[in-house]
Amino acid sequence: MQSVRLTRFVKVAEKLSFRAAAQELNLAQPALSRSIAELEKDLGAQLFLRTGRRVSLTPAGEVLQREGTQALLQMARAEELTRIAAAGGVGKLRIGYGVFASTGPMSEIVLEFNRLHPMSSVRLFHLATTEQLAQISSGQIDLGFAFSLACSPPWQSMPISSEQYVVLVSTQNPLARCSSIELSQLANEGFVLGNQDRWGPYRTMIDGLCAGHGFLPRVMEEADDLPILMTLISSNIGIALHGAAICQSLPPGIKAIPLETEQHTVDISLAWQDGADTHNPLVHNFIDVARKVLKNSPRQYRL
C-alpha cells in the first residue's frame, strides 16, 4: 500500500467529503476519486458508502482509518527520529571518568546534554585515565574525562578544569592548624596515595611536583578508590595532595590547606578519538555542550 494513497484515504475518512478532502490536499477531485478506487481495488474491499452527496465509512473503512492513521503517525515519527539521529540527537554515549573529574563540572555538562538531547542517553564508566584512553582507542567508550597530561595525540582533547593543589590532612594532624603551607614542609610527612595501577598519571604528577622541591613522597598506605583514600586521611594515617574541587564535598575530619606559591595545577580534559567529533554526531554534540557550559575556558578551582 502506497503511503500517498493511505494519506488521501485518511483525509477523506476524516472529512467524509471528497470535495473538502481534495481542497485540503490541493488535489483535483477526480484524481482523488481515482486514488481511492485504486486503493479499494488493491485491498479488495469497499471503503466508502456513497449515497448521493453523503459519504460514510464501511466497516472495512473504519478499520483502515484507525490503523492507517496510526501507521502514518508512526511513519512521521520514524522520519523525524531518523533526521534527529543523523544530527546526533538520538543514541547512546559511553563516557569514562576518573576520581578528579567527578568533583568538577562533568555532572553539569552531562545534565545539560541530557536536557538539550532528551532522546539520547549517557552511560558513565568509572575508569582510570589509562583505562579511558585504551577504551577510547578500542571503541568501548566514546569520550573520557581524563588527566590532561595523558591526553596527547592520537587523542584529541579540550580542557575542562584546572584545580589548585591542596593538602588534605586529618583534623587531628598538627598541620591542620596551618592556613597555608609550603610544599617543602611536607618532605618528612607520610603520604597516602592512590595505587599505581589505577592512579598512575596522578602518582606521576605528585612525584614530579615533590621532586621539584627536593623530595619524593614517603608513602604510608595506598588506596584503590577515593572513599578509602579519605578514610586513611581522616584516620591520620597520612596526608595527600589533591585538587581543590574536592573541597566542595570533604567528609568530616579532613581539612584542606592551600599550598603557598605553587603554580602547578591538576588539569582535566575531555578526550576523544581523533576524528570522532566529525564522524559521530553524538560526540560532536557532547563536545559542543561542554564548550557552551564552560564558555570555551576551563573551570578554575581555588581554595
Protein backbone atom coordinates (compact mmCIF):
# COMPACT_ATOMS: atom_id res chain seq x y z
CA MET A 1 0.00 0.00 0.00
CA GLN A 2 1.41 3.36 -1.02
CA SER A 3 1.68 5.97 1.72
CA VAL A 4 0.31 8.62 -0.67
CA ARG A 5 -2.90 6.63 -1.19
CA LEU A 6 -3.19 5.98 2.54
CA THR A 7 -2.76 9.67 3.31
CA ARG A 8 -5.50 10.56 0.83
CA PHE A 9 -7.83 7.90 2.24
CA VAL A 10 -7.34 9.12 5.82
CA LYS A 11 -8.11 12.68 4.78
CA VAL A 12 -11.37 11.63 3.03
CA ALA A 13 -12.29 9.49 6.06
CA GLU A 14 -11.67 12.48 8.33
CA LYS A 15 -13.72 14.91 6.23
CA LEU A 16 -16.32 12.41 4.92
CA SER A 17 -16.29 14.58 1.82
CA PHE A 18 -14.29 14.03 -1.36
CA ARG A 19 -14.62 17.70 -2.25
CA ALA A 20 -13.36 19.02 1.12
CA ALA A 21 -10.55 16.44 1.21
CA ALA A 22 -9.44 17.32 -2.33
CA GLN A 23 -9.31 21.01 -1.44
CA GLU A 24 -7.22 20.38 1.68
CA LEU A 25 -4.90 18.05 -0.22
CA ASN A 26 -4.64 20.60 -3.06
CA LEU A 27 -5.68 17.85 -5.46
CA ALA A 28 -8.28 17.67 -8.23
CA GLN A 29 -11.37 15.77 -7.04
CA PRO A 30 -11.36 13.26 -9.97
CA ALA A 31 -7.72 12.40 -9.20
CA LEU A 32 -8.62 11.83 -5.53
CA SER A 33 -11.55 9.59 -6.51
CA ARG A 34 -9.30 7.51 -8.80
CA SER A 35 -6.72 7.15 -5.99
CA ILE A 36 -9.37 5.83 -3.57
CA ALA A 37 -10.77 3.49 -6.21
CA GLU A 38 -7.29 2.06 -6.86
CA LEU A 39 -6.80 1.58 -3.10
CA GLU A 40 -10.12 -0.26 -2.83
CA LYS A 41 -9.13 -2.47 -5.77
CA ASP A 42 -5.73 -3.28 -4.20
CA LEU A 43 -7.35 -4.19 -0.88
CA GLY A 44 -10.33 -5.97 -2.42
CA ALA A 45 -12.64 -4.07 -0.11
CA GLN A 46 -15.06 -1.19 -0.35
CA LEU A 47 -14.02 1.59 1.99
CA PHE A 48 -16.76 4.18 1.50
CA LEU A 49 -20.50 4.15 1.00
CA ARG A 50 -21.67 6.94 -1.27
CA THR A 51 -25.35 7.87 -1.04
CA GLY A 52 -25.97 10.98 -3.09
CA ARG A 53 -23.79 13.65 -1.55
CA ARG A 54 -23.39 11.71 1.68
CA VAL A 55 -20.18 9.72 2.30
CA SER A 56 -19.73 7.21 5.12
CA LEU A 57 -17.20 4.57 6.05
CA THR A 58 -17.81 0.86 5.66
CA PRO A 59 -16.65 -1.45 8.48
CA ALA A 60 -13.50 -2.12 6.44
CA GLY A 61 -13.05 1.62 6.01
CA GLU A 62 -13.34 2.18 9.78
CA VAL A 63 -10.58 -0.37 10.39
CA LEU A 64 -8.32 1.21 7.79
CA GLN A 65 -8.96 4.69 9.17
CA ARG A 66 -7.99 3.62 12.67
CA GLU A 67 -4.95 1.56 11.71
CA GLY A 68 -3.91 3.80 8.82
CA THR A 69 -3.91 6.92 10.99
CA GLN A 70 -1.61 5.18 13.47
CA ALA A 71 0.62 3.94 10.65
CA LEU A 72 1.00 7.44 9.21
CA LEU A 73 1.79 8.88 12.64
CA GLN A 74 4.38 6.15 13.21
CA MET A 75 5.90 6.78 9.79
CA ALA A 76 6.14 10.53 10.50
CA ARG A 77 7.77 9.78 13.86
CA ALA A 78 10.24 7.38 12.21
CA GLU A 79 11.21 10.06 9.69
CA GLU A 80 11.62 12.66 12.45
CA LEU A 81 13.73 10.36 14.64
CA THR A 82 15.89 9.42 11.66
CA ARG A 83 16.62 13.09 10.98
CA ILE A 84 17.32 13.71 14.68
CA ALA A 85 19.62 10.68 14.84
CA ALA A 86 21.51 11.86 11.76
CA ALA A 87 22.05 15.18 13.54
CA GLY A 88 23.27 13.45 16.71
CA GLY A 89 20.06 13.79 18.70
CA VAL A 90 19.34 10.09 19.28
CA GLY A 91 21.64 7.34 20.52
CA LYS A 92 23.87 6.30 23.40
CA LEU A 93 27.12 7.87 24.51
CA ARG A 94 29.61 5.91 26.62
CA ILE A 95 31.79 8.21 28.70
CA GLY A 96 34.63 7.40 31.08
CA TYR A 97 35.61 9.49 34.08
CA GLY A 98 38.07 9.41 36.94
CA VAL A 99 38.03 10.49 40.58
CA PHE A 100 39.17 14.05 39.88
CA ALA A 101 36.62 14.56 37.10
CA SER A 102 33.75 13.53 39.39
CA THR A 103 34.22 16.62 41.57
CA GLY A 104 34.49 19.04 38.63
CA PRO A 105 31.99 20.29 36.03
CA MET A 106 31.39 16.85 34.46
CA SER A 107 27.95 16.37 36.04
CA GLU A 108 26.87 19.84 34.92
CA ILE A 109 27.90 19.06 31.33
CA VAL A 110 26.12 15.68 31.32
CA LEU A 111 22.92 17.16 32.77
CA GLU A 112 22.91 19.96 30.18
CA PHE A 113 23.48 17.43 27.38
CA ASN A 114 20.54 15.36 28.65
CA ARG A 115 18.36 18.47 28.77
CA LEU A 116 19.21 19.51 25.21
CA HIS A 117 19.12 15.97 23.78
CA PRO A 118 16.37 14.13 25.68
CA MET A 119 16.26 11.29 23.14
CA SER A 120 19.91 10.47 23.76
CA SER A 121 21.35 8.73 26.79
CA VAL A 122 24.71 8.89 28.56
CA ARG A 123 26.27 5.93 30.31
CA LEU A 124 29.16 6.73 32.63
CA PHE A 125 32.03 4.37 33.44
CA HIS A 126 34.38 4.95 36.39
CA LEU A 127 37.80 4.31 34.85
CA ALA A 128 41.38 5.37 35.45
CA THR A 129 42.88 7.72 32.83
CA THR A 130 44.95 4.94 31.25
CA GLU A 131 41.85 2.71 31.07
CA GLN A 132 39.82 5.50 29.49
CA LEU A 133 42.34 6.16 26.73
CA ALA A 134 42.71 2.46 25.97
CA GLN A 135 38.93 2.03 25.74
CA ILE A 136 38.54 5.12 23.57
CA SER A 137 41.09 3.60 21.18
CA SER A 138 39.28 0.24 21.13
CA GLY A 139 35.86 1.82 20.69
CA GLN A 140 34.50 0.63 24.04
CA ILE A 141 33.76 4.21 25.12
CA ASP A 142 33.28 7.39 23.10
CA LEU A 143 34.83 10.07 25.33
CA GLY A 144 36.64 10.36 28.64
CA PHE A 145 37.27 12.92 31.36
CA ALA A 146 40.98 12.26 31.91
CA PHE A 147 44.16 13.89 33.19
CA SER A 148 45.30 16.46 30.63
CA LEU A 149 48.94 15.37 30.75
CA ALA A 150 47.96 11.98 29.28
CA CYS A 151 45.77 13.41 26.50
CA SER A 152 48.36 13.79 23.78
CA PRO A 153 47.95 12.61 20.15
CA PRO A 154 46.47 10.37 18.79
CA TRP A 155 43.70 11.57 21.10
CA GLN A 156 42.01 14.91 20.69
CA SER A 157 41.02 16.85 23.78
CA MET A 158 39.72 20.08 25.26
CA PRO A 159 40.48 21.50 28.75
CA ILE A 160 37.66 21.01 31.25
CA SER A 161 39.00 22.10 34.62
CA SER A 162 42.11 23.40 36.33
CA GLU A 163 42.48 22.90 40.08
CA GLN A 164 44.87 24.36 42.59
CA TYR A 165 46.66 21.70 44.63
CA VAL A 166 45.59 21.46 48.26
CA VAL A 167 46.98 19.38 51.11
CA LEU A 168 44.39 17.11 52.73
CA VAL A 169 45.11 16.38 56.37
CA SER A 170 43.25 14.91 59.32
CA THR A 171 41.89 17.49 61.75
CA GLN A 172 43.95 15.55 64.34
CA ASN A 173 47.18 16.36 62.45
CA PRO A 174 49.21 19.34 63.74
CA LEU A 175 49.32 20.64 60.15
CA ALA A 176 45.58 21.29 60.42
CA ARG A 177 46.42 24.47 62.35
CA CYS A 178 48.11 25.93 59.25
CA SER A 179 46.21 28.35 57.00
CA SER A 180 48.63 27.61 54.14
CA ILE A 181 51.76 25.53 53.70
CA GLU A 182 54.91 25.29 51.59
CA LEU A 183 55.31 22.04 49.69
CA SER A 184 58.86 21.64 51.06
CA GLN A 185 57.39 21.42 54.57
CA LEU A 186 55.87 18.07 53.61
CA ALA A 187 59.20 16.33 52.96
CA ASN A 188 59.10 14.41 56.24
CA GLU A 189 55.37 13.73 56.24
CA GLY A 190 53.83 10.35 55.48
CA PHE A 191 51.59 10.28 52.39
CA VAL A 192 48.58 8.18 51.47
CA LEU A 193 48.20 7.91 47.70
CA GLY A 194 46.11 6.14 45.12
CA ASN A 195 47.68 2.90 43.90
CA GLN A 196 49.86 2.89 40.80
CA ASP A 197 47.54 0.68 38.73
CA ARG A 198 44.51 2.97 38.87
CA TRP A 199 46.12 6.30 39.79
CA GLY A 200 49.24 6.11 37.59
CA PRO A 201 49.09 9.61 36.00
CA TYR A 202 48.18 11.12 39.37
CA ARG A 203 51.18 9.44 41.01
CA THR A 204 53.40 10.74 38.21
CA MET A 205 52.16 14.29 38.84
CA ILE A 206 52.66 14.06 42.60
CA ASP A 207 56.14 12.57 42.25
CA GLY A 208 57.13 15.30 39.80
CA LEU A 209 55.69 18.04 41.99
CA CYS A 210 57.52 16.84 45.09
CA ALA A 211 60.76 16.11 43.20
CA GLY A 212 60.81 19.75 42.15
CA HIS A 213 61.11 20.59 45.85
CA GLY A 214 63.85 18.08 46.56
CA PHE A 215 61.98 15.03 47.88
CA LEU A 216 59.73 12.13 46.91
CA PRO A 217 56.59 11.25 48.89
CA ARG A 218 57.05 8.78 51.72
CA VAL A 219 54.10 6.50 51.07
CA MET A 220 52.42 5.05 54.17
CA GLU A 221 49.38 3.45 52.52
CA GLU A 222 47.83 3.12 49.07
CA ALA A 223 44.14 3.29 48.21
CA ASP A 224 42.22 1.85 45.27
CA ASP A 225 39.46 4.45 45.34
CA LEU A 226 38.60 7.86 46.76
CA PRO A 227 36.46 6.74 49.75
CA ILE A 228 39.32 4.57 51.04
CA LEU A 229 41.76 7.44 50.50
CA MET A 230 39.52 9.76 52.53
CA THR A 231 39.24 7.18 55.32
CA LEU A 232 43.04 6.85 55.51
CA ILE A 233 43.45 10.63 55.69
CA SER A 234 40.74 11.15 58.33
CA SER A 235 42.32 8.36 60.39
CA ASN A 236 45.58 10.36 60.31
CA ILE A 237 47.46 7.56 58.55
CA GLY A 238 48.97 10.17 56.25
CA ILE A 239 48.36 13.28 54.19
CA ALA A 240 47.53 13.66 50.50
CA LEU A 241 47.77 16.18 47.69
CA HIS A 242 44.56 16.65 45.76
CA GLY A 243 42.73 19.11 43.50
CA ALA A 244 40.78 21.91 45.15
CA ALA A 245 37.43 20.84 43.68
CA ILE A 246 37.27 18.10 46.33
CA CYS A 247 36.78 20.83 48.96
CA GLN A 248 33.09 21.04 48.00
CA SER A 249 32.49 17.54 49.36
CA LEU A 250 35.11 16.83 52.01
CA PRO A 251 33.97 14.36 54.69
CA PRO A 252 34.14 15.33 58.39
CA GLY A 253 37.55 15.04 59.99
CA ILE A 254 39.54 16.30 57.00
CA LYS A 255 40.88 19.79 56.36
CA ALA A 256 42.13 21.19 53.05
CA ILE A 257 45.12 23.55 53.18
CA PRO A 258 46.27 25.58 50.15
CA LEU A 259 49.88 25.36 49.02
CA GLU A 260 51.86 28.60 49.09
CA THR A 261 53.43 29.94 45.88
CA GLU A 262 52.63 26.74 43.98
CA GLN A 263 51.78 27.35 40.34
CA HIS A 264 51.21 23.74 39.28
CA THR A 265 47.59 22.63 38.83
CA VAL A 266 45.60 19.44 38.40
CA ASP A 267 44.17 19.68 34.90
CA ILE A 268 41.34 17.56 33.48
CA SER A 269 40.45 17.34 29.78
CA LEU A 270 37.67 15.78 27.75
CA ALA A 271 39.32 13.31 25.36
CA TRP A 272 38.08 11.51 22.25
CA GLN A 273 39.39 9.51 19.30
CA ASP A 274 40.88 11.58 16.50
CA GLY A 275 38.10 12.33 14.01
CA ALA A 276 35.24 11.05 16.20
CA ASP A 277 33.83 14.55 16.56
CA THR A 278 33.29 14.74 12.78
CA HIS A 279 32.16 11.14 12.17
CA ASN A 280 29.88 10.74 15.20
CA PRO A 281 27.22 13.48 15.60
CA LEU A 282 26.60 12.48 19.23
CA VAL A 283 30.25 13.04 20.13
CA HIS A 284 30.21 16.36 18.29
CA ASN A 285 27.08 17.47 20.18
CA PHE A 286 28.51 16.48 23.58
CA ILE A 287 31.71 18.43 22.92
CA ASP A 288 29.63 21.40 21.80
CA VAL A 289 27.60 21.28 25.03
CA ALA A 290 30.82 21.10 27.08
CA ARG A 291 32.17 24.20 25.30
CA LYS A 292 28.95 26.11 25.98
CA VAL A 293 28.80 25.11 29.65
CA LEU A 294 32.41 26.15 30.16
CA LYS A 295 32.13 29.15 27.80
CA ASN A 296 35.27 27.98 25.98
CA SER A 297 37.53 28.17 29.04
CA PRO A 298 38.29 25.53 31.70
CA ARG A 299 36.62 25.83 35.10
CA GLN A 300 39.02 27.13 37.75
CA TYR A 301 39.05 25.73 41.28
CA ARG A 302 40.89 27.54 44.05
CA LEU A 303 40.68 27.31 47.82
